[in-house]
Amino acid sequence: MIALDVVTEAGDWPAEAEAAAREAAAAAIAVSEEGDDPLAATLLLADDAAIRVLNRDWRGKDTPTNVLSFPSDMPTPPGEPRHLGDVALAFETVAREAAEEGKSVPDHVAHLVVHGILHLLGADHETDGEADAMEAREIEALARIGIADPYGRAAPQP
């Protein structure tokens, strides 16, 4: 279980984006190995300008990007859910990519939230093996909420 705090800072996000994000975060946790401990994360829905600043300041890349993840290293107070960290999305980039890929903005938001949550859980894609494993988890999580494989591969067989 994950509690997702959604903060809309900027961008013309469709009303369905928040619901898609919450469903996607839960699906990402469901395909992880986290067990049943209560978890929390924050999602920032921003615009390209805000994400460009974050990307420049934290990654040294002075350009907007679709999704950024910031894992938390803060200790969890007793009785509180473990805060995984923060995920941030850039509206213009997300909307442009969705249009280019022929999908809805909420479906693309779901994919990027799954991707971001998996990063918060420690998944990465620096090597081919890591990328394959992370993409497989993304595909599995998205299939749980009825979204087709964003990479265009056949769905995994049970």
C-alpha atoms as a PDB file:
ATOM      1  CA  MET A   1       0.000   0.000   0.000  1.00  0.00           C
ATOM      2  CA  ILE A   2       1.218   3.483  -0.847  1.00  0.00           C
ATOM      3  CA  ALA A   3      -0.148   6.883   0.047  1.00  0.00           C
ATOM      4  CA  LEU A   4       0.612   9.263  -2.815  1.00  0.00           C
ATOM      5  CA  ASP A   5       0.528  12.965  -2.021  1.00  0.00           C
ATOM      6  CA  VAL A   6      -0.098  14.791  -5.320  1.00  0.00           C
ATOM      7  CA  VAL A   7       0.934  18.442  -5.593  1.00  0.00           C
ATOM      8  CA  THR A   8      -0.011  20.326  -8.751  1.00  0.00           C
ATOM      9  CA  GLU A   9       2.337  23.258  -9.172  1.00  0.00           C
ATOM     10  CA  ALA A  10       1.895  24.149 -12.847  1.00  0.00           C
ATOM     11  CA  GLY A  11       0.729  22.771 -16.169  1.00  0.00           C
ATOM     12  CA  ASP A  12      -2.659  22.072 -17.705  1.00  0.00           C
ATOM     13  CA  TRP A  13      -2.894  18.554 -16.258  1.00  0.00           C
ATOM     14  CA  PRO A  14      -6.124  16.704 -17.129  1.00  0.00           C
ATOM     15  CA  ALA A  15      -8.382  15.870 -14.196  1.00  0.00           C
ATOM     16  CA  GLU A  16      -7.757  12.130 -14.793  1.00  0.00           C
ATOM     17  CA  ALA A  17      -3.994  12.501 -14.288  1.00  0.00           C
ATOM     18  CA  GLU A  18      -4.155  12.364 -10.487  1.00  0.00           C
ATOM     19  CA  ALA A  19      -6.323   9.226 -10.407  1.00  0.00           C
ATOM     20  CA  ALA A  20      -4.070   7.572 -13.001  1.00  0.00           C
ATOM     21  CA  ALA A  21      -1.022   8.460 -10.897  1.00  0.00           C
ATOM     22  CA  ARG A  22      -2.485   6.970  -7.702  1.00  0.00           C
ATOM     23  CA  GLU A  23      -3.480   3.763  -9.478  1.00  0.00           C
ATOM     24  CA  ALA A  24      -0.041   3.529 -11.113  1.00  0.00           C
ATOM     25  CA  ALA A  25       1.798   4.035  -7.818  1.00  0.00           C
ATOM     26  CA  ALA A  26      -0.202   1.210  -6.241  1.00  0.00           C
ATOM     27  CA  ALA A  27       0.517  -1.029  -9.236  1.00  0.00           C
ATOM     28  CA  ALA A  28       4.252  -0.290  -9.007  1.00  0.00           C
ATOM     29  CA  ILE A  29       4.237  -1.320  -5.344  1.00  0.00           C
ATOM     30  CA  ALA A  30       2.234  -4.457  -6.179  1.00  0.00           C
ATOM     31  CA  VAL A  31       4.949  -5.689  -8.569  1.00  0.00           C
ATOM     32  CA  SER A  32       7.760  -4.823  -6.185  1.00  0.00           C
ATOM     33  CA  GLU A  33       9.135  -6.877  -3.343  1.00  0.00           C
ATOM     34  CA  GLU A  34       8.150  -4.360  -0.676  1.00  0.00           C
ATOM     35  CA  GLY A  35       5.690  -6.487   1.252  1.00  0.00           C
ATOM     36  CA  ASP A  36       2.808  -4.957   3.177  1.00  0.00           C
ATOM     37  CA  ASP A  37       4.524  -2.146   5.071  1.00  0.00           C
ATOM     38  CA  PRO A  38       2.794   1.224   4.614  1.00  0.00           C
ATOM     39  CA  LEU A  39       4.627   3.457   2.166  1.00  0.00           C
ATOM     40  CA  ALA A  40       4.296   7.050   1.032  1.00  0.00           C
ATOM     41  CA  ALA A  41       5.595   9.206  -1.801  1.00  0.00           C
ATOM     42  CA  THR A  42       5.001  12.652  -3.218  1.00  0.00           C
ATOM     43  CA  LEU A  43       4.204  13.416  -6.855  1.00  0.00           C
ATOM     44  CA  LEU A  44       4.857  16.908  -8.182  1.00  0.00           C
ATOM     45  CA  LEU A  45       2.910  17.816 -11.312  1.00  0.00           C
ATOM     46  CA  ALA A  46       4.827  20.762 -12.724  1.00  0.00           C
ATOM     47  CA  ASP A  47       5.747  22.333 -16.043  1.00  0.00           C
ATOM     48  CA  ASP A  48       8.866  22.105 -18.176  1.00  0.00           C
ATOM     49  CA  ALA A  49      10.355  25.264 -16.638  1.00  0.00           C
ATOM     50  CA  ALA A  50      10.201  23.890 -13.080  1.00  0.00           C
ATOM     51  CA  ILE A  51      11.513  20.472 -14.080  1.00  0.00           C
ATOM     52  CA  ARG A  52      14.325  22.081 -16.058  1.00  0.00           C
ATOM     53  CA  VAL A  53      15.487  23.844 -12.871  1.00  0.00           C
ATOM     54  CA  LEU A  54      15.309  20.612 -10.851  1.00  0.00           C
ATOM     55  CA  ASN A  55      17.122  18.682 -13.580  1.00  0.00           C
ATOM     56  CA  ARG A  56      19.842  21.354 -13.782  1.00  0.00           C
ATOM     57  CA  ASP A  57      20.284  21.673 -10.024  1.00  0.00           C
ATOM     58  CA  TRP A  58      20.203  17.964  -9.152  1.00  0.00           C
ATOM     59  CA  ARG A  59      21.542  16.236 -12.270  1.00  0.00           C
ATOM     60  CA  GLY A  60      23.581  18.949 -13.996  1.00  0.00           C
ATOM     61  CA  LYS A  61      21.391  18.746 -17.125  1.00  0.00           C
ATOM     62  CA  ASP A  62      19.967  22.132 -18.136  1.00  0.00           C
ATOM     63  CA  THR A  63      16.939  20.771 -19.988  1.00  0.00           C
ATOM     64  CA  PRO A  64      13.449  19.636 -19.074  1.00  0.00           C
ATOM     65  CA  THR A  65      12.768  15.919 -18.880  1.00  0.00           C
ATOM     66  CA  ASN A  66       9.590  13.893 -18.521  1.00  0.00           C
ATOM     67  CA  VAL A  67      10.158  12.432 -15.040  1.00  0.00           C
ATOM     68  CA  LEU A  68      12.577  12.906 -12.164  1.00  0.00           C
ATOM     69  CA  SER A  69      12.829  10.741  -9.044  1.00  0.00           C
ATOM     70  CA  PHE A  70      14.348  11.764  -5.735  1.00  0.00           C
ATOM     71  CA  PRO A  71      14.664   8.825  -3.314  1.00  0.00           C
ATOM     72  CA  SER A  72      14.387   9.725   0.356  1.00  0.00           C
ATOM     73  CA  ASP A  73      17.093   8.912   2.836  1.00  0.00           C
ATOM     74  CA  MET A  74      15.169  10.231   5.819  1.00  0.00           C
ATOM     75  CA  PRO A  75      14.488   7.857   8.721  1.00  0.00           C
ATOM     76  CA  THR A  76      10.887   6.808   9.216  1.00  0.00           C
ATOM     77  CA  PRO A  77       9.324   8.012  12.476  1.00  0.00           C
ATOM     78  CA  PRO A  78       7.679   5.221  14.489  1.00  0.00           C
ATOM     79  CA  GLY A  79       4.121   4.541  13.354  1.00  0.00           C
ATOM     80  CA  GLU A  80       4.496   6.496  10.121  1.00  0.00           C
ATOM     81  CA  PRO A  81       4.594   5.110   6.553  1.00  0.00           C
ATOM     82  CA  ARG A  82       8.082   4.906   5.045  1.00  0.00           C
ATOM     83  CA  HIS A  83       8.481   7.877   2.701  1.00  0.00           C
ATOM     84  CA  LEU A  84      10.073   6.581  -0.497  1.00  0.00           C
ATOM     85  CA  GLY A  85      10.770  10.020  -1.924  1.00  0.00           C
ATOM     86  CA  ASP A  86       9.475  12.344  -4.595  1.00  0.00           C
ATOM     87  CA  VAL A  87       8.593  12.001  -8.273  1.00  0.00           C
ATOM     88  CA  ALA A  88       8.192  15.043 -10.520  1.00  0.00           C
ATOM     89  CA  LEU A  89       6.589  15.255 -13.978  1.00  0.00           C
ATOM     90  CA  ALA A  90       6.859  18.034 -16.605  1.00  0.00           C
ATOM     91  CA  PHE A  91       3.549  18.804 -18.295  1.00  0.00           C
ATOM     92  CA  GLU A  92       4.674  20.005 -21.724  1.00  0.00           C
ATOM     93  CA  THR A  93       7.126  17.140 -22.161  1.00  0.00           C
ATOM     94  CA  VAL A  94       4.619  14.540 -20.953  1.00  0.00           C
ATOM     95  CA  ALA A  95       1.859  15.917 -23.210  1.00  0.00           C
ATOM     96  CA  ARG A  96       4.179  16.071 -26.251  1.00  0.00           C
ATOM     97  CA  GLU A  97       5.427  12.502 -25.707  1.00  0.00           C
ATOM     98  CA  ALA A  98       1.880  11.207 -25.238  1.00  0.00           C
ATOM     99  CA  ALA A  99       0.805  12.801 -28.527  1.00  0.00           C
ATOM    100  CA  GLU A 100       3.879  11.466 -30.352  1.00  0.00           C
ATOM    101  CA  GLU A 101       3.243   7.963 -28.999  1.00  0.00           C
ATOM    102  CA  GLY A 102      -0.517   8.033 -29.672  1.00  0.00           C
ATOM    103  CA  LYS A 103      -1.574   7.589 -26.046  1.00  0.00           C
ATOM    104  CA  SER A 104      -3.573   9.622 -23.582  1.00  0.00           C
ATOM    105  CA  VAL A 105      -1.859  11.926 -21.116  1.00  0.00           C
ATOM    106  CA  PRO A 106      -3.264   9.947 -18.134  1.00  0.00           C
ATOM    107  CA  ASP A 107      -1.858   6.679 -19.559  1.00  0.00           C
ATOM    108  CA  HIS A 108       1.552   8.303 -20.082  1.00  0.00           C
ATOM    109  CA  VAL A 109       1.378   9.778 -16.573  1.00  0.00           C
ATOM    110  CA  ALA A 110       0.687   6.255 -15.268  1.00  0.00           C
ATOM    111  CA  HIS A 111       3.738   4.874 -17.075  1.00  0.00           C
ATOM    112  CA  LEU A 112       5.999   7.645 -15.802  1.00  0.00           C
ATOM    113  CA  VAL A 113       4.711   7.308 -12.234  1.00  0.00           C
ATOM    114  CA  VAL A 114       5.375   3.543 -12.330  1.00  0.00           C
ATOM    115  CA  HIS A 115       8.858   4.312 -13.677  1.00  0.00           C
ATOM    116  CA  GLY A 116       9.475   6.924 -10.990  1.00  0.00           C
ATOM    117  CA  ILE A 117       8.211   4.783  -8.117  1.00  0.00           C
ATOM    118  CA  LEU A 118      10.390   1.886  -9.265  1.00  0.00           C
ATOM    119  CA  HIS A 119      13.376   4.275  -9.172  1.00  0.00           C
ATOM    120  CA  LEU A 120      12.412   5.234  -5.606  1.00  0.00           C
ATOM    121  CA  LEU A 121      12.474   1.522  -4.771  1.00  0.00           C
ATOM    122  CA  GLY A 122      16.008   1.211  -6.138  1.00  0.00           C
ATOM    123  CA  ALA A 123      15.419   0.042  -9.711  1.00  0.00           C
ATOM    124  CA  ASP A 124      17.632   1.537 -12.383  1.00  0.00           C
ATOM    125  CA  HIS A 125      18.404   1.244 -16.092  1.00  0.00           C
ATOM    126  CA  GLU A 126      22.109   2.027 -16.333  1.00  0.00           C
ATOM    127  CA  THR A 127      22.950  -1.369 -17.852  1.00  0.00           C
ATOM    128  CA  ASP A 128      21.053  -3.447 -20.412  1.00  0.00           C
ATOM    129  CA  GLY A 129      20.215  -6.028 -17.737  1.00  0.00           C
ATOM    130  CA  GLU A 130      18.899  -3.379 -15.345  1.00  0.00           C
ATOM    131  CA  ALA A 131      16.889  -1.768 -18.147  1.00  0.00           C
ATOM    132  CA  ASP A 132      15.345  -5.098 -19.155  1.00  0.00           C
ATOM    133  CA  ALA A 133      14.397  -5.893 -15.552  1.00  0.00           C
ATOM    134  CA  MET A 134      12.942  -2.437 -14.932  1.00  0.00           C
ATOM    135  CA  GLU A 135      10.977  -2.446 -18.186  1.00  0.00           C
ATOM    136  CA  ALA A 136       9.550  -5.877 -17.356  1.00  0.00           C
ATOM    137  CA  ARG A 137       8.312  -4.540 -14.006  1.00  0.00           C
ATOM    138  CA  GLU A 138       6.841  -1.471 -15.706  1.00  0.00           C
ATOM    139  CA  ILE A 139       5.016  -3.656 -18.228  1.00  0.00           C
ATOM    140  CA  GLU A 140       3.682  -5.883 -15.445  1.00  0.00           C
ATOM    141  CA  ALA A 141       2.517  -2.938 -13.331  1.00  0.00           C
ATOM    142  CA  LEU A 142       0.812  -1.225 -16.256  1.00  0.00           C
ATOM    143  CA  ALA A 143      -0.887  -4.461 -17.326  1.00  0.00           C
ATOM    144  CA  ARG A 144      -2.429  -4.646 -13.834  1.00  0.00           C
ATOM    145  CA  ILE A 145      -4.236  -1.370 -14.531  1.00  0.00           C
ATOM    146  CA  GLY A 146      -5.154  -2.120 -18.134  1.00  0.00           C
ATOM    147  CA  ILE A 147      -2.450  -0.126 -19.922  1.00  0.00           C
ATOM    148  CA  ALA A 148      -0.652  -1.693 -22.875  1.00  0.00           C
ATOM    149  CA  ASP A 149       3.090  -2.289 -22.940  1.00  0.00           C
ATOM    150  CA  PRO A 150       4.638   1.143 -23.559  1.00  0.00           C
ATOM    151  CA  TYR A 151       7.636  -0.515 -25.216  1.00  0.00           C
ATOM    152  CA  GLY A 152       5.510  -2.298 -27.824  1.00  0.00           C
ATOM    153  CA  ARG A 153       6.372  -5.842 -26.834  1.00  0.00           C
ATOM    154  CA  ALA A 154       3.944  -8.704 -26.405  1.00  0.00           C
ATOM    155  CA  ALA A 155       2.303  -8.931 -22.996  1.00  0.00           C
ATOM    156  CA  PRO A 156       3.936 -11.388 -20.582  1.00  0.00           C
ATOM    157  CA  GLN A 157       2.187 -14.722 -20.333  1.00  0.00           C
ATOM    158  CA  PRO A 158       1.080 -15.940 -16.873  1.00  0.00           C
END
